Amino acid sequence: MTLFFGHTASRNTAIVLTGFISVALGGFFDQPTAHAKDAPAVPREPRTIDLAICLDTSGSMSGLIEAAKQKLWAIVNDLALVEPTPRLRVALLTYGNNDHDPENGWVRVDSPLTDDLDQISKKLFALTTNGGTEYVGRVLQFSGQLDWHPSDDAFKLVVVAGNESADQDQEVPFRQMCKTLIGRGVMINSIYCGPAADSIAPGWREVARLADGQFASIDQNHGTIVVETPFDEQLATLSTALNATYLPIGARGASGLANQSAQDKNAESLNSAAAATRALTKAQGLYHCSWDLVDACRAGEIKLEEVSIADLPEPMRDMTLAQRKSYIDDQAGKRTTIQKQIAELTAKRQSFVQAEMKKKAVDDSKGFDSVIRRAVRQQAEAKGFEFNDG
């Protein structure tokens, strides 16, 4: 067992960011509507959670990026507490980087809203810092141009983090963009990476206030806590075994399968705890791969009989349609078995982590991220979101 405590301001930033996001998000469904007695039940579409993460990648923010990589899967796992399972789409935008286009205000949309979580991980691990000029108004403007879900029932949230004045952008004032976004039903949670008493912190508070969001600042004396456990290696092994149950569709599927493995390795490159939390993500309903025959058939995104032979995995090409369906069912069964093993092992891991933190007198209940979690949960529950904490 290893405990890691990061103490840089930028790493603290990422911890609060994680706590801030993870419980802020949830999903809920409409109550069932009445049907005529003779009408068949219509499957309900899951509600959508749209999350845009806007990170300052100027030269002083490398710790923020590193901790965002560490905590991505923990964020998703918190979302998995929502019942019934929602549809999650995540976008990643970066700003304040001299490598970005100055005509865009040094803002870049690294990924549009997508349910491909491996793609978000890939983009996170590719981030670098450099420079720069941090235009909060401009990154909010670009976030407003994303393909947000049109329904009022969708939960739409921007999280923007940075360590300079929110009021630098004179061409696109943040106040204007906050009003525009909340007018479209998109809330903004702001995180100022510095002491709450700083003279520029009130501007970050205003970002959140104008868009019905929550504000957080960073407690620079409270670091990242990562606990490695005896269960991590087995969880990583199960995560790899899970990959063998995915059946790639054509060239896009081959690319997706390769990236799935690459993101496993990226998580492992951080530490065993990151790999373990990613394993749990892959065992839950928010992890969906549209390039995979199992997931695509389950979701009704494709019809197996319409998939060309050339786009099928090689073992399936000489099979009859009935054999192909049976093969997919077999892979789905294997996947379910492995996912159950991951869930059971994760429960043991979580108990171990709690015990070790207690033994080492590590109390995160008073940490800044825990305070934000409580505040944001109140915000979410006030909107009717329900979390299964059992």
Protein backbone atom coordinates (compact mmCIF):
# COMPACT_ATOMS: atom_id res chain seq x y z
CA MET A 1 0.00 0.00 0.00
CA THR A 2 1.30 3.41 -0.92
CA LEU A 3 -0.13 6.80 -0.08
CA PHE A 4 0.78 9.71 -2.33
CA PHE A 5 0.26 13.28 -1.20
CA GLY A 6 0.79 15.97 -3.82
CA HIS A 7 1.33 19.46 -2.47
CA THR A 8 1.77 21.72 -5.47
CA ALA A 9 -0.88 24.34 -6.12
CA SER A 10 -1.61 22.93 -9.55
CA ARG A 11 -2.04 19.39 -8.27
CA ASN A 12 -4.34 20.68 -5.53
CA THR A 13 -6.32 22.30 -8.28
CA ALA A 14 -6.93 18.98 -9.93
CA ILE A 15 -8.12 17.39 -6.71
CA VAL A 16 -10.76 20.04 -6.21
CA LEU A 17 -11.66 19.80 -9.87
CA THR A 18 -12.31 16.10 -9.48
CA GLY A 19 -14.38 16.47 -6.35
CA PHE A 20 -16.20 19.36 -7.87
CA ILE A 21 -17.16 17.53 -11.03
CA SER A 22 -17.70 14.05 -9.75
CA VAL A 23 -20.77 14.60 -7.59
CA ALA A 24 -22.00 17.58 -9.55
CA LEU A 25 -23.07 15.25 -12.26
CA GLY A 26 -25.92 12.81 -12.25
CA GLY A 27 -28.88 11.90 -14.34
CA PHE A 28 -32.52 11.31 -13.84
CA PHE A 29 -35.45 10.04 -15.81
CA ASP A 30 -39.00 11.25 -16.21
CA GLN A 31 -41.60 9.44 -14.19
CA PRO A 32 -43.33 6.77 -16.27
CA THR A 33 -46.22 8.13 -18.25
CA ALA A 34 -49.58 6.45 -18.43
CA HIS A 35 -50.13 4.10 -21.35
CA ALA A 36 -53.36 2.68 -22.67
CA LYS A 37 -53.94 -0.81 -21.31
CA ASP A 38 -53.54 -2.38 -24.73
CA ALA A 39 -50.50 -0.32 -25.76
CA PRO A 40 -47.07 -1.97 -25.57
CA ALA A 41 -44.54 -0.48 -23.20
CA VAL A 42 -42.07 1.78 -24.98
CA PRO A 43 -38.45 1.62 -23.75
CA ARG A 44 -37.47 4.93 -22.23
CA GLU A 45 -34.46 6.76 -23.58
CA PRO A 46 -31.85 7.52 -20.91
CA ARG A 47 -31.41 11.15 -20.04
CA THR A 48 -28.25 12.82 -21.24
CA ILE A 49 -25.49 14.37 -19.18
CA ASP A 50 -23.39 16.76 -21.25
CA LEU A 51 -20.17 17.89 -19.57
CA ALA A 52 -17.63 20.30 -21.06
CA ILE A 53 -14.33 20.47 -19.17
CA CYS A 54 -12.36 23.66 -19.87
CA LEU A 55 -8.77 23.53 -18.59
CA ASP A 56 -6.19 26.29 -18.43
CA THR A 57 -3.06 24.83 -20.03
CA SER A 58 -0.76 27.80 -19.58
CA GLY A 59 2.74 27.15 -18.34
CA SER A 60 1.86 27.00 -14.64
CA MET A 61 -0.87 24.36 -14.93
CA SER A 62 0.94 21.07 -15.59
CA GLY A 63 -0.11 19.69 -12.20
CA LEU A 64 -3.75 20.28 -13.09
CA ILE A 65 -3.40 18.24 -16.25
CA GLU A 66 -1.59 15.40 -14.51
CA ALA A 67 -4.22 15.10 -11.82
CA ALA A 68 -7.04 15.34 -14.38
CA LYS A 69 -5.53 12.27 -16.05
CA GLN A 70 -5.38 10.53 -12.68
CA LYS A 71 -8.98 11.33 -11.79
CA LEU A 72 -10.85 10.97 -15.10
CA TRP A 73 -12.05 7.45 -14.36
CA ALA A 74 -12.96 8.32 -10.77
CA ILE A 75 -15.21 11.06 -12.18
CA VAL A 76 -16.96 8.58 -14.44
CA ASN A 77 -17.30 6.07 -11.62
CA ASP A 78 -19.09 8.67 -9.51
CA LEU A 79 -21.52 9.19 -12.37
CA ALA A 80 -22.20 5.48 -12.36
CA LEU A 81 -23.95 5.99 -9.00
CA VAL A 82 -26.87 7.57 -10.87
CA GLU A 83 -29.84 5.29 -11.47
CA PRO A 84 -31.09 4.56 -14.03
CA THR A 85 -27.88 4.84 -16.01
CA PRO A 86 -27.78 8.07 -18.03
CA ARG A 87 -26.03 8.73 -21.32
CA LEU A 88 -22.80 10.62 -20.69
CA ARG A 89 -21.08 12.86 -23.23
CA VAL A 90 -17.88 14.71 -22.39
CA ALA A 91 -16.06 17.50 -24.24
CA LEU A 92 -12.56 18.76 -23.56
CA LEU A 93 -11.46 22.34 -24.27
CA THR A 94 -8.16 23.96 -23.39
CA TYR A 95 -7.18 27.61 -23.28
CA GLY A 96 -4.34 29.96 -22.34
CA ASN A 97 -1.79 27.99 -24.37
CA ASN A 98 0.56 29.77 -26.76
CA ASP A 99 0.48 26.74 -29.06
CA HIS A 100 -3.21 27.38 -29.76
CA ASP A 101 -4.49 29.63 -32.53
CA PRO A 102 -4.36 33.31 -31.44
CA GLU A 103 -7.28 34.05 -33.78
CA ASN A 104 -9.35 31.78 -31.52
CA GLY A 105 -8.16 33.57 -28.41
CA TRP A 106 -5.70 30.73 -27.71
CA VAL A 107 -8.61 28.32 -27.25
CA ARG A 108 -8.79 24.80 -28.68
CA VAL A 109 -11.63 22.30 -28.74
CA ASP A 110 -9.63 19.13 -28.11
CA SER A 111 -12.73 16.98 -28.32
CA PRO A 112 -16.38 17.80 -29.04
CA LEU A 113 -19.09 16.20 -26.92
CA THR A 114 -18.66 12.45 -27.24
CA ASP A 115 -19.64 9.27 -25.42
CA ASP A 116 -16.26 7.78 -26.38
CA LEU A 117 -14.53 8.13 -23.02
CA ASP A 118 -11.33 6.57 -24.34
CA GLN A 119 -11.10 9.45 -26.80
CA ILE A 120 -11.27 11.94 -23.93
CA SER A 121 -8.52 10.05 -22.14
CA LYS A 122 -6.38 10.08 -25.29
CA LYS A 123 -6.78 13.84 -25.60
CA LEU A 124 -5.98 14.40 -21.91
CA PHE A 125 -2.76 12.45 -22.15
CA ALA A 126 -1.72 14.45 -25.21
CA LEU A 127 -2.02 17.82 -23.44
CA THR A 128 1.01 20.01 -22.84
CA THR A 129 1.42 23.42 -21.23
CA ASN A 130 2.89 26.57 -22.76
CA GLY A 131 2.49 30.27 -22.23
CA GLY A 132 0.02 32.11 -22.26
CA THR A 133 -2.96 34.44 -22.22
CA GLU A 134 -6.01 33.01 -20.43
CA TYR A 135 -9.29 34.19 -21.96
CA VAL A 136 -12.09 32.74 -19.88
CA GLY A 137 -14.74 34.52 -21.93
CA ARG A 138 -13.40 33.01 -25.13
CA VAL A 139 -13.30 29.41 -23.87
CA LEU A 140 -16.88 29.83 -22.62
CA GLN A 141 -17.82 31.12 -26.07
CA PHE A 142 -16.37 28.00 -27.71
CA SER A 143 -18.08 25.76 -25.17
CA GLY A 144 -21.37 27.40 -26.12
CA GLN A 145 -20.84 26.27 -29.71
CA LEU A 146 -20.75 22.59 -28.78
CA ASP A 147 -23.54 20.26 -29.86
CA TRP A 148 -25.42 20.46 -26.56
CA HIS A 149 -28.41 18.16 -26.20
CA PRO A 150 -31.53 20.16 -27.16
CA SER A 151 -33.80 18.74 -24.46
CA ASP A 152 -34.52 20.72 -21.31
CA ASP A 153 -34.36 17.35 -19.51
CA ALA A 154 -30.66 16.97 -20.27
CA PHE A 155 -28.19 18.06 -17.61
CA LYS A 156 -25.72 20.43 -19.25
CA LEU A 157 -22.65 21.65 -17.40
CA VAL A 158 -19.43 23.52 -18.10
CA VAL A 159 -16.56 23.27 -15.64
CA VAL A 160 -13.89 25.91 -16.19
CA ALA A 161 -10.64 26.03 -14.20
CA GLY A 162 -7.84 28.58 -14.25
CA ASN A 163 -5.44 30.65 -12.17
CA GLU A 164 -5.54 34.11 -13.73
CA SER A 165 -8.15 36.84 -13.85
CA ALA A 166 -11.44 35.72 -15.40
CA ASP A 167 -11.77 39.22 -16.83
CA GLN A 168 -8.80 39.27 -19.21
CA ASP A 169 -10.88 38.82 -22.37
CA GLN A 170 -12.07 42.27 -23.39
CA GLU A 171 -13.40 41.13 -26.76
CA VAL A 172 -15.69 38.42 -25.35
CA PRO A 173 -16.56 39.34 -21.75
CA PHE A 174 -17.24 36.36 -19.52
CA ARG A 175 -20.37 38.01 -18.13
CA GLN A 176 -21.94 38.04 -21.57
CA MET A 177 -21.07 34.40 -22.21
CA CYS A 178 -22.32 33.25 -18.80
CA LYS A 179 -25.71 34.81 -19.51
CA THR A 180 -25.78 33.27 -22.97
CA LEU A 181 -24.99 29.78 -21.69
CA ILE A 182 -27.44 29.76 -18.80
CA GLY A 183 -30.04 31.07 -21.21
CA ARG A 184 -29.57 27.80 -23.08
CA GLY A 185 -29.80 25.78 -19.89
CA VAL A 186 -26.05 25.26 -19.54
CA MET A 187 -24.73 25.81 -16.02
CA ILE A 188 -21.14 26.82 -15.27
CA ASN A 189 -19.07 25.68 -12.31
CA SER A 190 -15.89 27.69 -11.87
CA ILE A 191 -12.67 26.76 -10.12
CA TYR A 192 -10.11 29.39 -9.25
CA CYS A 193 -6.68 27.85 -8.79
CA GLY A 194 -5.51 30.04 -5.95
CA PRO A 195 -6.48 31.34 -2.52
CA ALA A 196 -10.07 32.47 -2.09
CA ALA A 197 -8.81 35.73 -0.61
CA ASP A 198 -6.98 36.73 -3.80
CA SER A 199 -8.10 39.96 -5.39
CA ILE A 200 -9.11 38.19 -8.61
CA ALA A 201 -11.11 35.40 -6.96
CA PRO A 202 -14.38 37.42 -6.97
CA GLY A 203 -14.37 37.35 -10.77
CA TRP A 204 -14.39 33.55 -10.69
CA ARG A 205 -17.22 33.61 -8.17
CA GLU A 206 -19.15 35.80 -10.57
CA VAL A 207 -18.64 33.30 -13.41
CA ALA A 208 -20.49 30.67 -11.40
CA ARG A 209 -23.11 33.02 -9.97
CA LEU A 210 -24.17 34.31 -13.38
CA ALA A 211 -24.72 30.78 -14.68
CA ASP A 212 -26.38 29.15 -11.65
CA GLY A 213 -23.24 27.18 -10.86
CA GLN A 214 -20.88 26.57 -7.96
CA PHE A 215 -17.56 28.27 -7.25
CA ALA A 216 -14.48 26.62 -5.77
CA SER A 217 -10.99 27.81 -4.91
CA ILE A 218 -7.99 25.69 -4.12
CA ASP A 219 -6.73 24.79 -0.67
CA GLN A 220 -3.04 24.71 -1.48
CA ASN A 221 -2.20 22.74 1.68
CA HIS A 222 -4.36 19.77 0.81
CA GLY A 223 -2.87 17.39 -1.72
CA THR A 224 -3.88 14.53 -3.96
CA ILE A 225 -4.41 11.26 -2.14
CA VAL A 226 -3.81 8.08 -4.12
CA VAL A 227 -3.91 4.69 -2.41
CA GLU A 228 -2.35 1.66 -4.09
CA THR A 229 -3.72 -1.69 -2.92
CA PRO A 230 -3.04 -5.44 -3.25
CA PHE A 231 -6.10 -5.70 -5.53
CA ASP A 232 -4.85 -3.31 -8.19
CA GLU A 233 -2.79 -5.79 -10.20
CA GLN A 234 -5.67 -8.25 -10.47
CA LEU A 235 -8.04 -5.47 -11.51
CA ALA A 236 -5.64 -4.41 -14.26
CA THR A 237 -5.45 -8.03 -15.44
CA LEU A 238 -9.25 -8.28 -15.56
CA SER A 239 -9.37 -4.98 -17.44
CA THR A 240 -7.09 -6.44 -20.10
CA ALA A 241 -9.17 -9.63 -20.25
CA LEU A 242 -12.25 -7.49 -20.82
CA ASN A 243 -10.74 -6.14 -24.05
CA ALA A 244 -10.83 -9.62 -25.59
CA THR A 245 -14.66 -9.53 -25.48
CA TYR A 246 -14.82 -6.51 -27.79
CA LEU A 247 -15.56 -7.19 -31.47
CA PRO A 248 -14.32 -4.31 -33.65
CA ILE A 249 -16.38 -3.17 -36.65
CA GLY A 250 -14.20 -2.33 -39.64
CA ALA A 251 -11.33 0.16 -39.61
CA ARG A 252 -13.04 2.37 -37.02
CA GLY A 253 -13.38 -0.61 -34.73
CA ALA A 254 -9.74 -1.57 -35.15
CA SER A 255 -8.75 1.98 -34.22
CA GLY A 256 -11.10 1.97 -31.23
CA LEU A 257 -9.78 -1.34 -29.96
CA ALA A 258 -6.20 -0.12 -30.25
CA ASN A 259 -7.05 3.07 -28.38
CA GLN A 260 -8.81 1.10 -25.65
CA SER A 261 -5.57 -0.76 -25.00
CA ALA A 262 -3.55 2.46 -25.27
CA GLN A 263 -5.67 4.14 -22.58
CA ASP A 264 -5.21 1.10 -20.33
CA LYS A 265 -1.47 1.64 -20.67
CA ASN A 266 -1.81 5.37 -20.07
CA ALA A 267 -3.64 4.72 -16.80
CA GLU A 268 -1.05 2.12 -15.78
CA SER A 269 1.72 4.64 -16.50
CA LEU A 270 0.40 6.85 -13.71
CA ASN A 271 0.06 4.23 -10.99
CA SER A 272 -1.85 1.06 -10.19
CA ALA A 273 -4.67 3.03 -8.55
CA ALA A 274 -5.48 4.82 -11.82
CA ALA A 275 -5.52 1.51 -13.66
CA ALA A 276 -7.85 0.04 -11.03
CA THR A 277 -10.34 2.90 -11.27
CA ARG A 278 -10.30 2.62 -15.08
CA ALA A 279 -11.07 -1.10 -14.76
CA LEU A 280 -14.20 -0.25 -12.78
CA THR A 281 -15.26 2.27 -15.41
CA LYS A 282 -15.03 -0.42 -18.10
CA ALA A 283 -17.22 -2.66 -15.96
CA GLN A 284 -20.11 -0.18 -15.78
CA GLY A 285 -22.86 1.11 -18.02
CA LEU A 286 -21.38 4.52 -18.82
CA TYR A 287 -18.55 2.90 -20.77
CA HIS A 288 -19.98 2.37 -24.25
CA CYS A 289 -18.05 1.68 -27.45
CA SER A 290 -20.07 2.25 -30.61
CA TRP A 291 -17.27 0.60 -32.65
CA ASP A 292 -17.91 -2.71 -30.86
CA LEU A 293 -20.47 -5.22 -32.21
CA VAL A 294 -21.62 -6.19 -28.72
CA ASP A 295 -22.34 -2.64 -27.56
CA ALA A 296 -23.69 -1.52 -30.95
CA CYS A 297 -26.10 -4.46 -31.21
CA ARG A 298 -27.26 -4.03 -27.62
CA ALA A 299 -27.98 -0.35 -28.22
CA GLY A 300 -29.73 -1.01 -31.52
CA GLU A 301 -27.20 1.20 -33.32
CA ILE A 302 -26.66 -1.36 -36.07
CA LYS A 303 -28.35 -4.40 -37.55
CA LEU A 304 -25.98 -7.35 -37.69
CA GLU A 305 -27.34 -8.56 -41.01
CA GLU A 306 -26.44 -5.22 -42.58
CA VAL A 307 -22.78 -5.29 -41.54
CA SER A 308 -20.57 -6.17 -44.49
CA ILE A 309 -18.48 -9.32 -44.22
CA ALA A 310 -15.31 -7.25 -44.69
CA ASP A 311 -16.19 -5.18 -41.60
CA LEU A 312 -16.69 -8.20 -39.36
CA PRO A 313 -13.89 -9.53 -37.13
CA GLU A 314 -12.09 -12.28 -39.03
CA PRO A 315 -13.38 -15.19 -36.89
CA MET A 316 -16.98 -14.20 -37.75
CA ARG A 317 -16.65 -13.88 -41.52
CA ASP A 318 -17.34 -17.52 -42.41
CA MET A 319 -20.19 -17.87 -39.90
CA THR A 320 -23.88 -17.95 -40.70
CA LEU A 321 -26.03 -15.10 -39.38
CA ALA A 322 -27.31 -17.36 -36.58
CA GLN A 323 -23.75 -18.32 -35.65
CA ARG A 324 -22.71 -14.66 -35.61
CA LYS A 325 -25.53 -13.76 -33.26
CA SER A 326 -24.59 -16.66 -31.01
CA TYR A 327 -20.94 -15.57 -31.05
CA ILE A 328 -21.89 -12.04 -30.03
CA ASP A 329 -24.06 -13.40 -27.21
CA ASP A 330 -21.14 -15.53 -26.06
CA GLN A 331 -18.80 -12.53 -25.92
CA ALA A 332 -21.45 -10.53 -24.08
CA GLY A 333 -21.74 -13.31 -21.51
CA LYS A 334 -17.99 -13.43 -20.99
CA ARG A 335 -17.94 -9.66 -20.61
CA THR A 336 -20.68 -9.72 -17.98
CA THR A 337 -18.78 -12.36 -16.00
CA ILE A 338 -15.57 -10.33 -16.00
CA GLN A 339 -17.42 -7.11 -15.17
CA LYS A 340 -18.99 -8.83 -12.16
CA GLN A 341 -15.55 -9.96 -11.00
CA ILE A 342 -14.25 -6.40 -11.33
CA ALA A 343 -17.18 -5.03 -9.33
CA GLU A 344 -16.66 -7.56 -6.54
CA LEU A 345 -12.92 -6.93 -6.40
CA THR A 346 -13.44 -3.17 -6.44
CA ALA A 347 -15.68 -3.44 -3.37
CA LYS A 348 -12.82 -5.15 -1.55
CA ARG A 349 -10.41 -2.53 -2.83
CA GLN A 350 -12.57 0.31 -1.57
CA SER A 351 -12.80 -1.28 1.87
CA PHE A 352 -9.03 -1.61 1.95
CA VAL A 353 -8.55 2.04 0.95
CA GLN A 354 -10.90 3.24 3.66
CA ALA A 355 -9.17 1.10 6.28
CA GLU A 356 -5.70 2.28 5.27
CA MET A 357 -6.71 5.93 5.30
CA LYS A 358 -8.16 5.46 8.77
CA LYS A 359 -5.03 3.64 9.94
CA LYS A 360 -2.81 6.41 8.60
CA ALA A 361 -5.12 9.06 10.09
CA VAL A 362 -5.80 10.46 6.64
CA ASP A 363 -9.07 12.37 6.94
CA ASP A 364 -10.34 13.78 3.68
CA SER A 365 -13.74 14.77 5.05
CA LYS A 366 -12.43 18.27 5.77
CA GLY A 367 -10.53 18.54 2.51
CA PHE A 368 -11.62 21.23 0.13
CA ASP A 369 -12.81 18.70 -2.43
CA SER A 370 -15.09 17.05 0.14
CA VAL A 371 -16.63 20.43 0.98
CA ILE A 372 -17.34 21.00 -2.70
CA ARG A 373 -18.80 17.51 -3.08
CA ARG A 374 -21.34 18.21 -0.38
CA ALA A 375 -22.27 21.57 -1.88
CA VAL A 376 -22.66 20.23 -5.40
CA ARG A 377 -24.66 17.22 -4.27
CA GLN A 378 -27.12 19.60 -2.68
CA GLN A 379 -27.27 21.43 -6.01
CA ALA A 380 -27.88 18.23 -7.95
CA GLU A 381 -30.45 16.80 -5.54
CA ALA A 382 -32.36 20.08 -5.60
CA LYS A 383 -32.81 19.46 -9.32
CA GLY A 384 -34.15 15.97 -8.77
CA PHE A 385 -31.03 13.90 -9.38
CA GLU A 386 -30.81 10.65 -7.47
CA PHE A 387 -27.63 8.84 -6.44
CA ASN A 388 -27.41 5.21 -5.39
CA ASP A 389 -24.88 5.24 -2.58
CA GLY A 390 -25.68 1.70 -1.49
